[in-house]
Amino acid sequence: MRRESIGRITVDARFILASGIGVYLRSILAEMQALEPDLEIRLLARRGEVDRVRHELPGTIVETCDIAPLGIGNIFRIGKSVDAASNLFWVPHFNFPVFYPGRIAVTLHDISIRHLE
């Protein structure tokens, strides 16, 4: 029995070329493409990185996101970059849009940096 595809997801990929989160994100997205060929993946990348991201992950839709990845304004504005056709917004880092009204998945890395000794 074949399950239904998610359809389209939008991914906050502004750290995709970085180490750590970037390596994790590139690896997961490549596996998702292999396992879910019907899944449409839309990546939000930083200006100046769009062509390289398209080269790294062919078959994805890559769009420029001019919102700085860090800062308080990010948590309010990034959700507006998600198109209406996306069924899920994935933010693979801690600064996610708290008030995003749609379905969202957030990955928290290295939360131990917040541990007080």
Protein backbone atom coordinates (compact mmCIF):
# COMPACT_ATOMS: atom_id res chain seq x y z
CA MET A 1 0.00 0.00 0.00
CA ARG A 2 1.52 3.30 -1.11
CA ARG A 3 1.15 6.24 1.23
CA GLU A 4 0.30 9.70 0.01
CA SER A 5 3.14 12.18 -0.55
CA ILE A 6 3.42 15.25 1.66
CA GLY A 7 3.41 17.34 -1.50
CA ARG A 8 5.61 20.39 -0.96
CA ILE A 9 7.73 21.48 1.95
CA THR A 10 9.54 24.76 2.42
CA VAL A 11 12.89 24.61 4.20
CA ASP A 12 14.70 27.49 5.85
CA ALA A 13 18.04 26.76 4.18
CA ARG A 14 19.92 29.93 5.05
CA PHE A 15 22.58 27.86 6.88
CA ILE A 16 22.81 25.13 4.22
CA LEU A 17 26.38 25.97 3.18
CA ALA A 18 27.65 26.19 6.76
CA SER A 19 29.33 23.40 8.69
CA GLY A 20 27.27 21.58 11.32
CA ILE A 21 23.69 22.50 10.47
CA GLY A 22 24.58 22.79 6.78
CA VAL A 23 26.08 19.29 6.59
CA TYR A 24 23.08 17.89 8.46
CA LEU A 25 20.64 19.71 6.18
CA ARG A 26 22.34 18.74 2.90
CA SER A 27 22.48 15.09 3.99
CA ILE A 28 18.85 14.93 5.12
CA LEU A 29 17.57 16.70 2.00
CA ALA A 30 19.50 14.35 -0.31
CA GLU A 31 17.98 11.35 1.51
CA MET A 32 14.51 12.90 1.37
CA GLN A 33 14.85 13.34 -2.39
CA ALA A 34 15.90 9.70 -2.78
CA LEU A 35 13.16 8.30 -0.53
CA GLU A 36 10.33 10.62 -1.61
CA PRO A 37 10.77 11.38 -5.33
CA ASP A 38 7.31 13.00 -5.48
CA LEU A 39 8.17 15.45 -2.70
CA GLU A 40 8.63 19.01 -3.91
CA ILE A 41 11.30 20.75 -1.83
CA ARG A 42 11.47 24.56 -1.79
CA LEU A 43 14.58 26.03 -0.16
CA LEU A 44 14.94 29.56 1.18
CA ALA A 45 18.61 30.51 0.70
CA ARG A 46 20.69 33.62 1.31
CA ARG A 47 21.32 36.07 -1.50
CA GLY A 48 24.56 35.14 -3.23
CA GLU A 49 24.23 31.44 -2.35
CA VAL A 50 21.26 30.48 -4.53
CA ASP A 51 23.28 29.19 -7.51
CA ARG A 52 25.59 27.12 -5.31
CA VAL A 53 22.64 25.63 -3.42
CA ARG A 54 20.95 24.73 -6.73
CA HIS A 55 24.18 22.98 -7.75
CA GLU A 56 24.47 21.14 -4.40
CA LEU A 57 20.83 19.97 -4.46
CA PRO A 58 19.55 19.69 -8.02
CA GLY A 59 15.85 19.02 -8.27
CA THR A 60 14.93 21.47 -5.53
CA ILE A 61 13.34 24.88 -5.93
CA VAL A 62 15.74 27.49 -4.52
CA GLU A 63 14.61 31.02 -3.78
CA THR A 64 16.34 34.02 -2.24
CA CYS A 65 15.43 34.97 1.31
CA ASP A 66 16.73 38.40 2.27
CA ILE A 67 15.86 38.08 5.95
CA ALA A 68 18.96 37.84 8.16
CA PRO A 69 19.06 34.39 9.80
CA LEU A 70 19.72 35.71 13.29
CA GLY A 71 17.91 38.41 15.22
CA ILE A 72 14.53 38.96 16.80
CA GLY A 73 12.94 40.17 13.56
CA ASN A 74 13.63 36.79 11.99
CA ILE A 75 11.15 34.95 14.20
CA PHE A 76 8.33 37.20 13.03
CA ARG A 77 9.13 37.62 9.32
CA ILE A 78 10.53 34.33 7.97
CA GLY A 79 7.14 32.62 8.05
CA LYS A 80 5.87 35.11 5.48
CA SER A 81 8.35 33.59 2.99
CA VAL A 82 6.50 30.26 3.00
CA ASP A 83 4.22 29.88 -0.01
CA ALA A 84 0.62 28.74 0.35
CA ALA A 85 1.27 25.49 -1.56
CA SER A 86 3.64 24.19 1.14
CA ASN A 87 2.22 21.63 3.53
CA LEU A 88 5.09 21.93 5.99
CA PHE A 89 7.71 24.52 6.94
CA TRP A 90 10.93 23.01 8.28
CA VAL A 91 13.32 25.17 10.27
CA PRO A 92 16.49 23.17 11.03
CA HIS A 93 17.76 25.52 13.75
CA PHE A 94 16.65 27.30 16.91
CA ASN A 95 15.43 30.66 15.58
CA PHE A 96 12.05 29.61 14.24
CA PRO A 97 8.95 31.80 13.70
CA VAL A 98 7.09 31.38 16.97
CA PHE A 99 3.78 32.62 15.60
CA TYR A 100 3.84 30.77 12.27
CA PRO A 101 0.21 29.65 11.73
CA GLY A 102 0.86 26.58 9.56
CA ARG A 103 2.45 23.18 10.11
CA ILE A 104 6.05 23.56 11.22
CA ALA A 105 8.89 21.20 12.13
CA VAL A 106 11.87 22.53 14.07
CA THR A 107 15.20 20.82 14.70
CA LEU A 108 17.18 21.93 17.74
CA HIS A 109 20.92 21.27 17.64
CA ASP A 110 23.45 21.61 20.43
CA ILE A 111 20.95 22.70 23.04
CA SER A 112 23.65 21.90 25.60
CA ILE A 113 25.19 25.34 24.92
CA ARG A 114 22.36 26.75 27.03
CA HIS A 115 23.29 24.57 30.00
CA LEU A 116 24.53 26.54 33.00
CA GLU A 117 27.15 24.93 35.16
